[in-house]
Every structure is written in C-alpha cells, then in structure tokens.
C-alpha atoms as a PDB file:
ATOM      1  CA  UNK A   1     103.089 102.193 108.814  1.00  0.00           C
ATOM      2  CA  UNK A   2     103.166  99.554 106.063  1.00  0.00           C
ATOM      3  CA  UNK A   3     101.184  96.705 107.644  1.00  0.00           C
ATOM      4  CA  UNK A   4      98.953  96.488 104.605  1.00  0.00           C
ATOM      5  CA  UNK A   5     101.873  95.222 102.491  1.00  0.00           C
ATOM      6  CA  UNK A   6     102.564  92.119 104.609  1.00  0.00           C
ATOM      7  CA  UNK A   7     100.003  89.858 102.930  1.00  0.00           C
ATOM      8  CA  UNK A   8     101.245  90.784  99.470  1.00  0.00           C
ATOM      9  CA  UNK A   9     104.885  90.364 100.530  1.00  0.00           C
ATOM     10  CA  UNK A  10     104.119  86.912 101.933  1.00  0.00           C
ATOM     11  CA  UNK A  11     102.265  85.854  98.780  1.00  0.00           C
ATOM     12  CA  UNK A  12     105.232  86.905  96.655  1.00  0.00           C
ATOM     13  CA  UNK A  13     107.648  85.125  98.957  1.00  0.00           C
ATOM     14  CA  UNK A  14     105.742  81.837  98.805  1.00  0.00           C
ATOM     15  CA  UNK A  15     105.709  82.064  95.008  1.00  0.00           C
ATOM     16  CA  UNK A  16     109.502  82.190  95.068  1.00  0.00           C
ATOM     17  CA  UNK A  17     110.009  79.536  97.715  1.00  0.00           C
ATOM     18  CA  UNK A  18     107.528  76.952  96.438  1.00  0.00           C
ATOM     19  CA  UNK A  19     107.077  73.609  98.228  1.00  0.00           C
ATOM     20  CA  UNK A  20     109.374  70.886  99.490  1.00  0.00           C
ATOM     21  CA  UNK A  21     112.899  70.613  98.059  1.00  0.00           C
ATOM     22  CA  UNK A  22     116.023  68.805  99.199  1.00  0.00           C
ATOM     23  CA  UNK A  23     118.657  69.819  96.642  1.00  0.00           C
ATOM     24  CA  UNK A  24     122.090  68.221  97.285  1.00  0.00           C
ATOM     25  CA  UNK A  25     123.867  71.511  96.427  1.00  0.00           C
ATOM     26  CA  UNK A  26     121.740  73.594  98.800  1.00  0.00           C
ATOM     27  CA  UNK A  27     123.585  74.085 102.112  1.00  0.00           C
ATOM     28  CA  UNK A  28     120.214  74.660 103.791  1.00  0.00           C
ATOM     29  CA  UNK A  29     119.262  71.030 103.241  1.00  0.00           C
ATOM     30  CA  UNK A  30     115.618  69.948 103.293  1.00  0.00           C
ATOM     31  CA  UNK A  31     113.358  72.972 102.852  1.00  0.00           C
ATOM     32  CA  UNK A  32     109.614  73.470 102.605  1.00  0.00           C
ATOM     33  CA  UNK A  33     107.891  76.775 101.780  1.00  0.00           C
ATOM     34  CA  UNK A  34     111.372  78.281 102.192  1.00  0.00           C
ATOM     35  CA  UNK A  35     111.755  77.094 105.802  1.00  0.00           C
ATOM     36  CA  UNK A  36     114.945  75.049 106.215  1.00  0.00           C
ATOM     37  CA  UNK A  37     115.197  72.009 108.437  1.00  0.00           C
ATOM     38  CA  UNK A  38     117.512  73.996 110.725  1.00  0.00           C
ATOM     39  CA  UNK A  39     114.906  76.726 111.205  1.00  0.00           C
ATOM     40  CA  UNK A  40     112.130  74.174 111.687  1.00  0.00           C
ATOM     41  CA  UNK A  41     114.188  72.542 114.422  1.00  0.00           C
ATOM     42  CA  UNK A  42     114.964  75.926 115.938  1.00  0.00           C
ATOM     43  CA  UNK A  43     111.430  77.301 115.961  1.00  0.00           C
ATOM     44  CA  UNK A  44     109.055  74.322 115.920  1.00  0.00           C
ATOM     45  CA  UNK A  45     110.480  70.852 116.628  1.00  0.00           C
ATOM     46  CA  UNK A  46     114.033  70.402 117.945  1.00  0.00           C
ATOM     47  CA  UNK A  47     114.415  66.845 116.642  1.00  0.00           C
ATOM     48  CA  UNK A  48     112.595  67.355 113.326  1.00  0.00           C
ATOM     49  CA  UNK A  49     113.404  64.983 110.488  1.00  0.00           C
ATOM     50  CA  UNK A  50     113.328  65.493 106.742  1.00  0.00           C
ATOM     51  CA  UNK A  51     109.861  63.907 106.736  1.00  0.00           C
ATOM     52  CA  UNK A  52     108.698  66.431 109.338  1.00  0.00           C
ATOM     53  CA  UNK A  53     109.810  69.226 107.034  1.00  0.00           C
ATOM     54  CA  UNK A  54     108.054  67.548 104.142  1.00  0.00           C
ATOM     55  CA  UNK A  55     104.812  67.449 106.148  1.00  0.00           C
ATOM     56  CA  UNK A  56     105.075  71.074 107.261  1.00  0.00           C
ATOM     57  CA  UNK A  57     101.844  73.001 106.685  1.00  0.00           C
ATOM     58  CA  UNK A  58     101.710  76.383 104.997  1.00  0.00           C
ATOM     59  CA  UNK A  59     100.147  77.750 108.208  1.00  0.00           C
ATOM     60  CA  UNK A  60     103.248  76.730 110.162  1.00  0.00           C
ATOM     61  CA  UNK A  61     105.462  78.388 107.564  1.00  0.00           C
ATOM     62  CA  UNK A  62     103.419  81.601 107.662  1.00  0.00           C
ATOM     63  CA  UNK A  63     103.624  81.743 111.472  1.00  0.00           C
ATOM     64  CA  UNK A  64     107.416  81.371 111.324  1.00  0.00           C
ATOM     65  CA  UNK A  65     107.726  84.043 108.649  1.00  0.00           C
ATOM     66  CA  UNK A  66     105.610  86.509 110.582  1.00  0.00           C
ATOM     67  CA  UNK A  67     107.322  86.143 113.962  1.00  0.00           C
ATOM     68  CA  UNK A  68     110.876  85.199 113.036  1.00  0.00           C
ATOM     69  CA  UNK A  69     111.429  87.305 109.939  1.00  0.00           C
ATOM     70  CA  UNK A  70     108.880  90.091 109.359  1.00  0.00           C
ATOM     71  CA  UNK A  71     108.429  91.065 113.015  1.00  0.00           C
ATOM     72  CA  UNK A  72     112.054  90.336 113.926  1.00  0.00           C
ATOM     73  CA  UNK A  73     113.203  92.907 111.346  1.00  0.00           C
ATOM     74  CA  UNK A  74     110.427  95.382 112.299  1.00  0.00           C
ATOM     75  CA  UNK A  75     109.094  95.423 108.754  1.00  0.00           C
ATOM     76  CA  UNK A  76     105.764  96.912 109.873  1.00  0.00           C
ATOM     77  CA  UNK A  77     107.709 100.085 110.692  1.00  0.00           C
ATOM     78  CA  UNK A  78     109.569 100.301 107.386  1.00  0.00           C
ATOM     79  CA  UNK A  79     108.217 102.129 104.319  1.00  0.00           C
ATOM     80  CA  UNK A  80     106.092 100.123 101.882  1.00  0.00           C
ATOM     81  CA  UNK A  81     108.298  98.365  99.366  1.00  0.00           C
ATOM     82  CA  UNK A  82     111.395  98.666 101.521  1.00  0.00           C
ATOM     83  CA  UNK A  83     109.720  96.243 103.925  1.00  0.00           C
ATOM     84  CA  UNK A  84     109.258  93.669 101.163  1.00  0.00           C
ATOM     85  CA  UNK A  85     112.831  94.021  99.897  1.00  0.00           C
ATOM     86  CA  UNK A  86     114.239  93.547 103.413  1.00  0.00           C
ATOM     87  CA  UNK A  87     111.837  90.688 104.227  1.00  0.00           C
ATOM     88  CA  UNK A  88     112.617  88.636 101.136  1.00  0.00           C
ATOM     89  CA  UNK A  89     116.353  89.214 101.528  1.00  0.00           C
ATOM     90  CA  UNK A  90     116.161  88.151 105.177  1.00  0.00           C
ATOM     91  CA  UNK A  91     114.384  84.917 104.281  1.00  0.00           C
ATOM     92  CA  UNK A  92     116.794  84.137 101.446  1.00  0.00           C
ATOM     93  CA  UNK A  93     120.082  85.125 103.110  1.00  0.00           C
ATOM     94  CA  UNK A  94     119.387  85.514 106.830  1.00  0.00           C
ATOM     95  CA  UNK A  95     118.025  88.142 109.197  1.00  0.00           C
ATOM     96  CA  UNK A  96     121.574  89.005 110.196  1.00  0.00           C
ATOM     97  CA  UNK A  97     122.603  90.097 106.705  1.00  0.00           C
ATOM     98  CA  UNK A  98     119.461  91.881 105.450  1.00  0.00           C
ATOM     99  CA  UNK A  99     119.308  94.552 108.213  1.00  0.00           C
ATOM    100  CA  UNK A 100     123.009  95.338 107.759  1.00  0.00           C
ATOM    101  CA  UNK A 101     122.509  95.823 104.036  1.00  0.00           C
ATOM    102  CA  UNK A 102     119.569  98.156 104.715  1.00  0.00           C
ATOM    103  CA  UNK A 103     121.736 100.131 107.143  1.00  0.00           C
ATOM    104  CA  UNK A 104     124.636 100.403 104.701  1.00  0.00           C
ATOM    105  CA  UNK A 105     122.289 101.664 102.006  1.00  0.00           C
ATOM    106  CA  UNK A 106     120.911 104.239 104.461  1.00  0.00           C
ATOM    107  CA  UNK A 107     124.379 105.288 105.620  1.00  0.00           C
ATOM    108  CA  UNK A 108     123.841 104.444 109.302  1.00  0.00           C
ATOM    109  CA  UNK A 109     125.832 102.146 111.589  1.00  0.00           C
ATOM    110  CA  UNK A 110     125.553  98.613 110.220  1.00  0.00           C
ATOM    111  CA  UNK A 111     125.112  96.705 113.473  1.00  0.00           C
ATOM    112  CA  UNK A 112     122.326  94.438 112.196  1.00  0.00           C
ATOM    113  CA  UNK A 113     119.787  95.789 114.693  1.00  0.00           C
ATOM    114  CA  UNK A 114     116.861  97.710 113.227  1.00  0.00           C
ATOM    115  CA  UNK A 115     116.270 100.280 115.949  1.00  0.00           C
ATOM    116  CA  UNK A 116     114.977 103.859 116.191  1.00  0.00           C
ATOM    117  CA  UNK A 117     117.870 105.424 114.222  1.00  0.00           C
ATOM    118  CA  UNK A 118     117.581 102.940 111.357  1.00  0.00           C
ATOM    119  CA  UNK A 119     113.799 103.325 111.232  1.00  0.00           C
ATOM    120  CA  UNK A 120     114.060 107.134 111.244  1.00  0.00           C
ATOM    121  CA  UNK A 121     116.606 107.059 108.428  1.00  0.00           C
ATOM    122  CA  UNK A 122     114.533 104.564 106.417  1.00  0.00           C
ATOM    123  CA  UNK A 123     111.379 106.647 106.684  1.00  0.00           C
ATOM    124  CA  UNK A 124     113.226 109.840 105.738  1.00  0.00           C
ATOM    125  CA  UNK A 125     114.938 108.329 102.693  1.00  0.00           C
ATOM    126  CA  UNK A 126     113.695 107.969  99.133  1.00  0.00           C
ATOM    127  CA  UNK A 127     112.201 104.433  99.118  1.00  0.00           C
ATOM    128  CA  UNK A 128     112.981 103.972  95.427  1.00  0.00           C
ATOM    129  CA  UNK A 129     116.698 104.524  96.010  1.00  0.00           C
ATOM    130  CA  UNK A 130     116.689 102.303  99.092  1.00  0.00           C
ATOM    131  CA  UNK A 131     114.960  99.419  97.284  1.00  0.00           C
ATOM    132  CA  UNK A 132     117.345  99.616  94.333  1.00  0.00           C
ATOM    133  CA  UNK A 133     120.322  99.813  96.684  1.00  0.00           C
ATOM    134  CA  UNK A 134     119.238  96.703  98.579  1.00  0.00           C
ATOM    135  CA  UNK A 135     118.595  94.702  95.412  1.00  0.00           C
ATOM    136  CA  UNK A 136     121.863  95.804  93.796  1.00  0.00           C
ATOM    137  CA  UNK A 137     123.856  94.735  96.861  1.00  0.00           C
ATOM    138  CA  UNK A 138     121.928  91.483  97.039  1.00  0.00           C
ATOM    139  CA  UNK A 139     122.910  90.582  93.498  1.00  0.00           C
ATOM    140  CA  UNK A 140     126.575  91.382  94.199  1.00  0.00           C
ATOM    141  CA  UNK A 141     126.498  89.097  97.223  1.00  0.00           C
ATOM    142  CA  UNK A 142     124.796  86.239  95.378  1.00  0.00           C
ATOM    143  CA  UNK A 143     127.224  86.386  92.451  1.00  0.00           C
ATOM    144  CA  UNK A 144     130.061  85.819  94.904  1.00  0.00           C
ATOM    145  CA  UNK A 145     128.654  82.568  96.288  1.00  0.00           C
ATOM    146  CA  UNK A 146     130.147  79.232  95.259  1.00  0.00           C
ATOM    147  CA  UNK A 147     126.663  77.947  94.394  1.00  0.00           C
ATOM    148  CA  UNK A 148     126.035  80.759  91.891  1.00  0.00           C
ATOM    149  CA  UNK A 149     126.581  78.465  88.863  1.00  0.00           C
ATOM    150  CA  UNK A 150     123.829  76.163  90.171  1.00  0.00           C
ATOM    151  CA  UNK A 151     121.267  78.645  91.477  1.00  0.00           C
ATOM    152  CA  UNK A 152     122.290  81.912  89.779  1.00  0.00           C
ATOM    153  CA  UNK A 153     119.544  81.958  87.164  1.00  0.00           C
ATOM    154  CA  UNK A 154     116.806  81.411  89.729  1.00  0.00           C
ATOM    155  CA  UNK A 155     118.274  83.959  92.135  1.00  0.00           C
ATOM    156  CA  UNK A 156     118.488  86.570  89.394  1.00  0.00           C
ATOM    157  CA  UNK A 157     114.861  86.017  88.495  1.00  0.00           C
ATOM    158  CA  UNK A 158     113.824  86.215  92.138  1.00  0.00           C
ATOM    159  CA  UNK A 159     115.667  89.451  92.893  1.00  0.00           C
ATOM    160  CA  UNK A 160     114.342  90.997  89.686  1.00  0.00           C
ATOM    161  CA  UNK A 161     110.794  90.152  90.756  1.00  0.00           C
ATOM    162  CA  UNK A 162     111.385  91.419  94.301  1.00  0.00           C
ATOM    163  CA  UNK A 163     112.711  94.698  92.917  1.00  0.00           C
ATOM    164  CA  UNK A 164     109.723  95.122  90.596  1.00  0.00           C
ATOM    165  CA  UNK A 165     107.104  94.324  93.254  1.00  0.00           C
ATOM    166  CA  UNK A 166     108.844  96.446  95.897  1.00  0.00           C
ATOM    167  CA  UNK A 167     109.011  99.467  93.598  1.00  0.00           C
ATOM    168  CA  UNK A 168     105.313  99.114  92.785  1.00  0.00           C
ATOM    169  CA  UNK A 169     104.494  98.983  96.507  1.00  0.00           C
ATOM    170  CA  UNK A 170     106.526 102.114  97.151  1.00  0.00           C
ATOM    171  CA  UNK A 171     105.071 104.061  94.236  1.00  0.00           C
ATOM    172  CA  UNK A 172     101.522 103.115  95.237  1.00  0.00           C
ATOM    173  CA  UNK A 173     101.812 105.032  98.524  1.00  0.00           C
ATOM    174  CA  UNK A 174     104.314 107.793  97.649  1.00  0.00           C
ATOM    175  CA  UNK A 175     102.493 111.154  97.373  1.00  0.00           C
ATOM    176  CA  UNK A 176     103.139 113.361  94.391  1.00  0.00           C
ATOM    177  CA  UNK A 177     105.888 115.880  95.004  1.00  0.00           C
ATOM    178  CA  UNK A 178     104.369 118.319  92.536  1.00  0.00           C
ATOM    179  CA  UNK A 179     102.560 121.274  94.074  1.00  0.00           C
ATOM    180  CA  UNK A 180      99.646 122.807  92.236  1.00  0.00           C
ATOM    181  CA  UNK A 181      99.744 125.998  94.316  1.00  0.00           C
ATOM    182  CA  UNK A 182     103.354 127.078  93.863  1.00  0.00           C
ATOM    183  CA  UNK A 183     104.852 128.550  90.709  1.00  0.00           C
ATOM    184  CA  UNK A 184     108.357 127.009  90.653  1.00  0.00           C
ATOM    185  CA  UNK A 185     109.404 128.690  87.372  1.00  0.00           C
ATOM    186  CA  UNK A 186     110.092 132.408  87.940  1.00  0.00           C
ATOM    187  CA  UNK A 187     110.032 133.072  84.201  1.00  0.00           C
ATOM    188  CA  UNK A 188     106.577 131.591  83.817  1.00  0.00           C
ATOM    189  CA  UNK A 189     103.765 134.040  84.639  1.00  0.00           C
ATOM    190  CA  UNK A 190     101.544 133.179  87.548  1.00  0.00           C
ATOM    191  CA  UNK A 191      98.129 131.777  86.631  1.00  0.00           C
ATOM    192  CA  UNK A 192      95.453 134.396  85.972  1.00  0.00           C
ATOM    193  CA  UNK A 193      93.024 135.078  88.835  1.00  0.00           C
ATOM    194  CA  UNK A 194      89.758 133.211  88.733  1.00  0.00           C
ATOM    195  CA  UNK A 195      86.691 135.151  87.430  1.00  0.00           C
ATOM    196  CA  UNK A 196      85.195 135.454  90.916  1.00  0.00           C
ATOM    197  CA  UNK A 197      88.435 136.932  92.223  1.00  0.00           C
ATOM    198  CA  UNK A 198      88.497 139.436  89.357  1.00  0.00           C
ATOM    199  CA  UNK A 199      84.938 140.490  90.149  1.00  0.00           C
ATOM    200  CA  UNK A 200      85.714 141.031  93.855  1.00  0.00           C
ATOM    201  CA  UNK A 201      88.795 143.043  92.927  1.00  0.00           C
ATOM    202  CA  UNK A 202      86.730 145.292  90.576  1.00  0.00           C
ATOM    203  CA  UNK A 203      84.083 145.968  93.225  1.00  0.00           C
ATOM    204  CA  UNK A 204      86.763 146.847  95.779  1.00  0.00           C
ATOM    205  CA  UNK A 205      88.360 149.353  93.391  1.00  0.00           C
ATOM    206  CA  UNK A 206      84.974 150.991  92.726  1.00  0.00           C
ATOM    207  CA  UNK A 207      84.250 151.242  96.459  1.00  0.00           C
ATOM    208  CA  UNK A 208      87.598 152.910  97.116  1.00  0.00           C
ATOM    209  CA  UNK A 209      86.938 155.426  94.334  1.00  0.00           C
ATOM    210  CA  UNK A 210      83.497 156.302  95.781  1.00  0.00           C
ATOM    211  CA  UNK A 211      84.964 156.851  99.235  1.00  0.00           C
ATOM    212  CA  UNK A 212      87.819 158.921  97.851  1.00  0.00           C
ATOM    213  CA  UNK A 213      85.475 161.120  95.781  1.00  0.00           C
ATOM    214  CA  UNK A 214      83.238 161.666  98.811  1.00  0.00           C
ATOM    215  CA  UNK A 215      86.169 162.820 100.922  1.00  0.00           C
ATOM    216  CA  UNK A 216      87.382 165.124  98.183  1.00  0.00           C
ATOM    217  CA  UNK A 217      84.100 167.098  98.062  1.00  0.00           C
END
C-alpha cells in the first residue's frame, strides 16, 4: 500500500519532535526525539533514568516508532497521507486515541483496533476528507487540554504542517477522476471522429453501394 511514505512521515515527525526536552509542564516528562521516559522504560530499558533518555540514539527512536507506532497502527495498509496523519497523531497523543479518531471519521465502530473493516473503509474513503477530519478533531482535542496555554502555539503549528504534508502525500498518488473517453455533458456534442476513422467510414459506404448496385442489376 503506502510503504513508500514511511520515510517521509518519519522525517516530518522528527522535525516536530526535535531532541531532548524535559519541560516541567509536560506530563510526559523527559523526552528525546519524541520518545518519553515512560515509553523508553516500556520498550527499551525498564529502569531508565533521565540521563538514559538524554543519551538515546536516533536509531533507537526510529526502531520504537516503526514497531510501536507505525506498525502497531497498521499504517502500511492505510492510504498515503492518511497514514501520516494517523502516525503523527498516535505519537503525539497515543496509539489508543489516534485509531479511534480515524474510525469515527470513517463512521465505523470506534474500538481503537485497526482491523479489516477499518482498513476497508479507509481505503474506500476520500483520503482528503479523512485527513481533514482527523486534523480537525485533533485540534479540538488539543484545545481542550489544560496545557493548551503553554503548548497551544506549537501544537497548532504542528497539526497545520501535518495536514499540509498529509494532503500532499494523498494528492501525489490519487489518480485523476476525469475520464477522457466519456462525454459527461449531454448537451455538448461528442468529439468529431479522427481522420482515419472518417476515411474507413467512407470506404465502407462506397463498398456497400457497389455491392448494392451489383445486386440490383
């Protein structure tokens, strides 16, 4: 499906997440490349310290993102652009919330599990509408958080960038819906036959006339 978008999605994510931070207002605590100390303890080192998080390599972060976020939410099986919107939301707000938002936008049961029904609905839907729906809901959720006054400006910028990049990804692979072989306007005359077609039609008419005249004699 959309495997070719993973590298670009990861590059965009790392731009947003940056390096090591330990903001006192951030409930996630010490974070590096967007990986919180809780996730580092969960996936890499159970007794990790703040210094361990500080020393985290970008390779470790990428491995966590691939297995615990992208693959966990089956982003390879989502349409291009939708995968990026879901991935970034999952990293920012949790892989429990992002799939449910996707499902609500699609109008399927929001159980938080991206399975066959969710994937079928996602691949049948208009990716532009799905991406906008996810980003709109994401902004509503963020505005309701108590830390909005502290982080709101940065979150707004991030979601705006995610929306823009996701839409570009979707449009890059969406085939044109316009057909060059069907005349959709009944009041507009059909295109004139090509010269070769006209010539074949003229020869056929002449042949029929010759045969008809021969039978008439």
